[in-house]
């Protein structure tokens, strides 16, 4: 095995640690041809344990693709598309009436294995004053075998430091599905995985990600 291929395979091992190689549920779901892309879709209110006063967030996810692609024998990170829209139902100021506060993420990465997925992308809600080093958002989704009322998800600006996340990192799915502020259950989340694309023979590893400063700049 060449040095370049060893480096690429080592990199894959690190990436796969977040969700293992994506072949499990796709094989179990369908005896026909395996899907070429992973999918994470759904809509749910979740209850964020880090905000006791206004805990309800809604995440609407429509993400499709994979973690990487190959272009001319070189691995290129980010091979997904779609959006994640999110709403924090809370007042503009303490004591005021709660309102919907929507933002959205342009998806470029999906990594799914069994009932768990990591979805990554760039936040587009500039009006919220998001610093450049917090634009990368990573979300985790868990489709519970007990039914969608037991689904869970996590987001990279809650519980963990929001700065300098790299593509594909993600927190544990710390927020439980909920009936939300209006007592209405939504669809929950559906995760469908697909085998990772790993070509035979030598290929070039991906470029290193850009450096990220913890300064608010």
Protein backbone atom coordinates (compact mmCIF):
# COMPACT_ATOMS: atom_id res chain seq x y z
CA UNK A 1 0.00 0.00 0.00
CA UNK A 2 1.42 3.39 -0.99
CA UNK A 3 2.11 6.19 1.48
CA UNK A 4 -0.67 8.34 0.00
CA UNK A 5 -3.21 5.54 0.21
CA UNK A 6 -2.18 4.75 3.82
CA UNK A 7 -2.68 8.42 4.70
CA UNK A 8 -6.10 8.50 3.06
CA UNK A 9 -7.22 5.29 4.73
CA UNK A 10 -6.01 6.59 8.10
CA UNK A 11 -8.05 9.72 7.52
CA UNK A 12 -11.10 7.61 6.72
CA UNK A 13 -10.70 5.71 9.97
CA UNK A 14 -10.89 8.96 11.92
CA UNK A 15 -13.95 10.12 9.99
CA UNK A 16 -15.70 6.80 10.31
CA UNK A 17 -15.22 6.78 14.10
CA UNK A 18 -18.11 9.26 14.38
CA UNK A 19 -20.58 6.91 12.77
CA UNK A 20 -18.83 3.71 11.62
CA UNK A 21 -18.82 2.64 7.98
CA UNK A 22 -22.25 3.25 6.48
CA UNK A 23 -23.46 -0.15 5.36
CA UNK A 24 -25.69 -1.41 8.17
CA UNK A 25 -29.28 -0.30 7.89
CA UNK A 26 -29.18 0.20 4.13
CA UNK A 27 -28.49 -3.50 3.66
CA UNK A 28 -31.16 -4.49 6.13
CA UNK A 29 -33.79 -2.18 4.60
CA UNK A 30 -33.63 -3.37 1.01
CA UNK A 31 -32.42 -6.54 -0.68
CA UNK A 32 -32.20 -4.71 -4.01
CA UNK A 33 -29.40 -2.41 -5.16
CA UNK A 34 -27.87 -0.44 -2.31
CA UNK A 35 -28.52 3.32 -2.31
CA UNK A 36 -25.65 5.53 -3.45
CA UNK A 37 -26.49 8.36 -1.08
CA UNK A 38 -27.38 8.72 2.56
CA UNK A 39 -30.47 10.70 3.49
CA UNK A 40 -31.60 12.52 6.62
CA UNK A 41 -35.08 14.01 6.51
CA UNK A 42 -37.70 15.11 8.99
CA UNK A 43 -39.21 17.82 11.12
CA UNK A 44 -39.41 17.89 14.92
CA UNK A 45 -39.55 20.08 17.97
CA UNK A 46 -36.82 19.12 20.41
CA UNK A 47 -36.23 20.12 24.01
CA UNK A 48 -32.74 21.54 24.58
CA UNK A 49 -31.60 20.64 28.13
CA UNK A 50 -29.24 23.63 28.30
CA UNK A 51 -32.05 26.21 28.23
CA UNK A 52 -34.50 25.62 31.06
CA UNK A 53 -36.61 28.75 30.42
CA UNK A 54 -37.04 28.56 26.62
CA UNK A 55 -35.93 25.03 25.66
CA UNK A 56 -37.89 24.42 22.46
CA UNK A 57 -36.12 24.32 19.11
CA UNK A 58 -37.52 23.09 15.82
CA UNK A 59 -35.24 21.53 13.21
CA UNK A 60 -36.45 20.79 9.67
CA UNK A 61 -33.85 18.71 7.84
CA UNK A 62 -33.64 17.71 4.17
CA UNK A 63 -30.08 16.46 3.59
CA UNK A 64 -28.79 14.04 0.95
CA UNK A 65 -25.36 12.84 -0.14
CA UNK A 66 -22.18 11.68 1.51
CA UNK A 67 -19.05 12.82 3.31
CA UNK A 68 -16.75 12.92 0.29
CA UNK A 69 -16.38 12.46 -3.44
CA UNK A 70 -13.49 11.69 -5.78
CA UNK A 71 -12.41 14.10 -8.48
CA UNK A 72 -9.57 13.03 -10.77
CA UNK A 73 -8.27 10.49 -8.27
CA UNK A 74 -8.38 12.94 -5.34
CA UNK A 75 -10.68 12.77 -2.33
CA UNK A 76 -12.66 15.98 -1.88
CA UNK A 77 -14.49 16.44 1.40
CA UNK A 78 -18.15 17.44 1.28
CA UNK A 79 -20.47 15.70 -1.18
CA UNK A 80 -23.93 16.55 0.09
CA UNK A 81 -26.70 19.03 -0.54
CA UNK A 82 -29.87 20.24 1.11
CA UNK A 83 -30.89 22.45 3.98
CA UNK A 84 -31.51 22.45 7.69
CA UNK A 85 -33.96 25.10 8.92
CA UNK A 86 -34.21 25.82 12.63
CA UNK A 87 -36.48 27.86 14.87
CA UNK A 88 -35.93 29.02 18.46
CA UNK A 89 -39.31 29.95 19.91
CA UNK A 90 -38.44 32.57 22.53
CA UNK A 91 -38.97 36.26 23.38
CA UNK A 92 -36.82 39.02 21.94
CA UNK A 93 -36.27 40.28 25.47
CA UNK A 94 -36.92 38.74 28.91
CA UNK A 95 -40.58 38.83 29.86
CA UNK A 96 -41.78 39.57 26.34
CA UNK A 97 -43.94 37.35 24.13
CA UNK A 98 -42.28 34.35 22.50
CA UNK A 99 -41.69 34.58 18.76
CA UNK A 100 -40.32 32.39 16.00
CA UNK A 101 -36.64 33.00 15.22
CA UNK A 102 -35.68 31.11 12.07
CA UNK A 103 -32.25 30.44 10.64
CA UNK A 104 -30.95 27.98 8.07
CA UNK A 105 -27.90 25.96 7.09
CA UNK A 106 -26.68 25.09 3.60
CA UNK A 107 -25.70 21.40 3.82
CA UNK A 108 -22.46 20.09 2.30
CA UNK A 109 -21.78 16.88 4.31
CA UNK A 110 -23.81 13.83 5.38
CA UNK A 111 -22.41 10.82 7.24
CA UNK A 112 -24.94 8.16 8.24
CA UNK A 113 -24.67 4.70 9.75
CA UNK A 114 -27.62 2.72 11.01
CA UNK A 115 -29.95 5.07 12.92
CA UNK A 116 -27.32 7.80 13.49
CA UNK A 117 -26.22 10.62 11.19
CA UNK A 118 -24.00 13.69 11.22
CA UNK A 119 -25.08 16.56 8.98
CA UNK A 120 -22.79 19.53 8.41
CA UNK A 121 -23.04 22.83 6.58
CA UNK A 122 -22.63 26.60 6.69
CA UNK A 123 -25.04 28.84 8.59
CA UNK A 124 -26.73 31.40 6.37
CA UNK A 125 -28.55 33.44 9.02
CA UNK A 126 -26.26 36.49 8.81
CA UNK A 127 -28.78 38.73 10.52
CA UNK A 128 -28.01 36.90 13.80
CA UNK A 129 -24.45 38.21 13.70
CA UNK A 130 -22.74 34.82 13.57
CA UNK A 131 -18.90 35.26 13.74
CA UNK A 132 -17.03 33.71 10.78
CA UNK A 133 -15.44 31.05 13.00
CA UNK A 134 -18.90 29.85 14.08
CA UNK A 135 -20.43 29.54 10.60
CA UNK A 136 -19.71 25.80 10.34
CA UNK A 137 -22.63 23.97 11.95
CA UNK A 138 -22.69 20.26 12.77
CA UNK A 139 -25.84 18.40 13.75
CA UNK A 140 -26.45 14.84 14.86
CA UNK A 141 -29.66 12.86 14.37
CA UNK A 142 -30.82 9.62 15.97
CA UNK A 143 -33.84 7.73 14.64
CA UNK A 144 -35.08 5.65 17.55
CA UNK A 145 -36.24 2.06 16.90
CA UNK A 146 -38.97 2.72 19.49
CA UNK A 147 -40.65 5.27 17.22
CA UNK A 148 -40.23 8.90 16.25
CA UNK A 149 -41.38 10.23 19.63
CA UNK A 150 -38.06 8.92 20.96
CA UNK A 151 -35.85 10.47 18.26
CA UNK A 152 -33.04 12.77 19.36
CA UNK A 153 -30.73 15.38 17.82
CA UNK A 154 -27.85 17.64 18.78
CA UNK A 155 -26.43 20.88 17.41
CA UNK A 156 -22.95 22.37 17.60
CA UNK A 157 -23.90 25.69 19.23
CA UNK A 158 -25.38 24.03 22.31
CA UNK A 159 -23.52 22.29 25.19
CA UNK A 160 -20.21 22.36 23.25
CA UNK A 161 -18.02 25.27 22.12
CA UNK A 162 -19.48 26.62 18.84
CA UNK A 163 -16.17 27.91 17.47
CA UNK A 164 -13.99 26.30 14.84
CA UNK A 165 -15.92 23.13 14.09
CA UNK A 166 -14.60 21.09 11.20
CA UNK A 167 -16.77 19.27 8.69
CA UNK A 168 -18.28 16.10 10.13
CA UNK A 169 -17.69 16.72 13.83
CA UNK A 170 -20.81 16.55 15.93
CA UNK A 171 -22.02 16.43 19.53
CA UNK A 172 -24.02 13.60 21.03
CA UNK A 173 -27.73 13.93 20.14
CA UNK A 174 -28.53 15.59 23.46
CA UNK A 175 -32.00 17.03 22.70
CA UNK A 176 -35.02 14.74 22.92
CA UNK A 177 -37.97 14.90 20.55
CA UNK A 178 -40.84 16.88 22.04
CA UNK A 179 -44.38 18.06 21.42
CA UNK A 180 -42.95 21.58 21.51
CA UNK A 181 -44.45 24.81 22.81
CA UNK A 182 -47.81 24.11 21.17
CA UNK A 183 -48.25 20.49 22.29
CA UNK A 184 -48.08 19.15 18.73
CA UNK A 185 -45.83 16.25 17.74
CA UNK A 186 -44.26 16.54 14.29
CA UNK A 187 -42.76 13.90 11.98
CA UNK A 188 -39.48 13.13 13.73
CA UNK A 189 -36.31 12.17 11.84
CA UNK A 190 -35.59 9.45 9.30
CA UNK A 191 -32.00 8.29 8.69
CA UNK A 192 -31.09 6.11 5.68
CA UNK A 193 -27.46 5.21 5.25
CA UNK A 194 -25.46 4.09 2.22
CA UNK A 195 -22.07 2.42 1.73
CA UNK A 196 -19.12 4.77 1.62
CA UNK A 197 -17.48 5.31 -1.74
CA UNK A 198 -13.94 3.91 -1.46
CA UNK A 199 -12.19 3.37 -4.82
CA UNK A 200 -9.70 0.65 -5.54
CA UNK A 201 -6.08 1.60 -6.16
CA UNK A 202 -4.16 4.69 -5.17
CA UNK A 203 -5.79 8.07 -4.68
CA UNK A 204 -4.79 11.38 -3.20
CA UNK A 205 -5.96 12.29 0.31
CA UNK A 206 -8.07 15.42 0.84
CA UNK A 207 -6.56 18.83 1.47
CA UNK A 208 -6.19 19.93 5.07
CA UNK A 209 -9.02 22.20 6.26
CA UNK A 210 -8.37 25.89 6.68
CA UNK A 211 -6.99 27.00 10.03
CA UNK A 212 -9.57 28.41 12.44
CA UNK A 213 -8.99 31.00 15.15
CA UNK A 214 -10.97 31.13 18.38
CA UNK A 215 -11.00 34.94 18.12
CA UNK A 216 -14.32 36.52 17.15
CA UNK A 217 -13.20 37.80 13.78
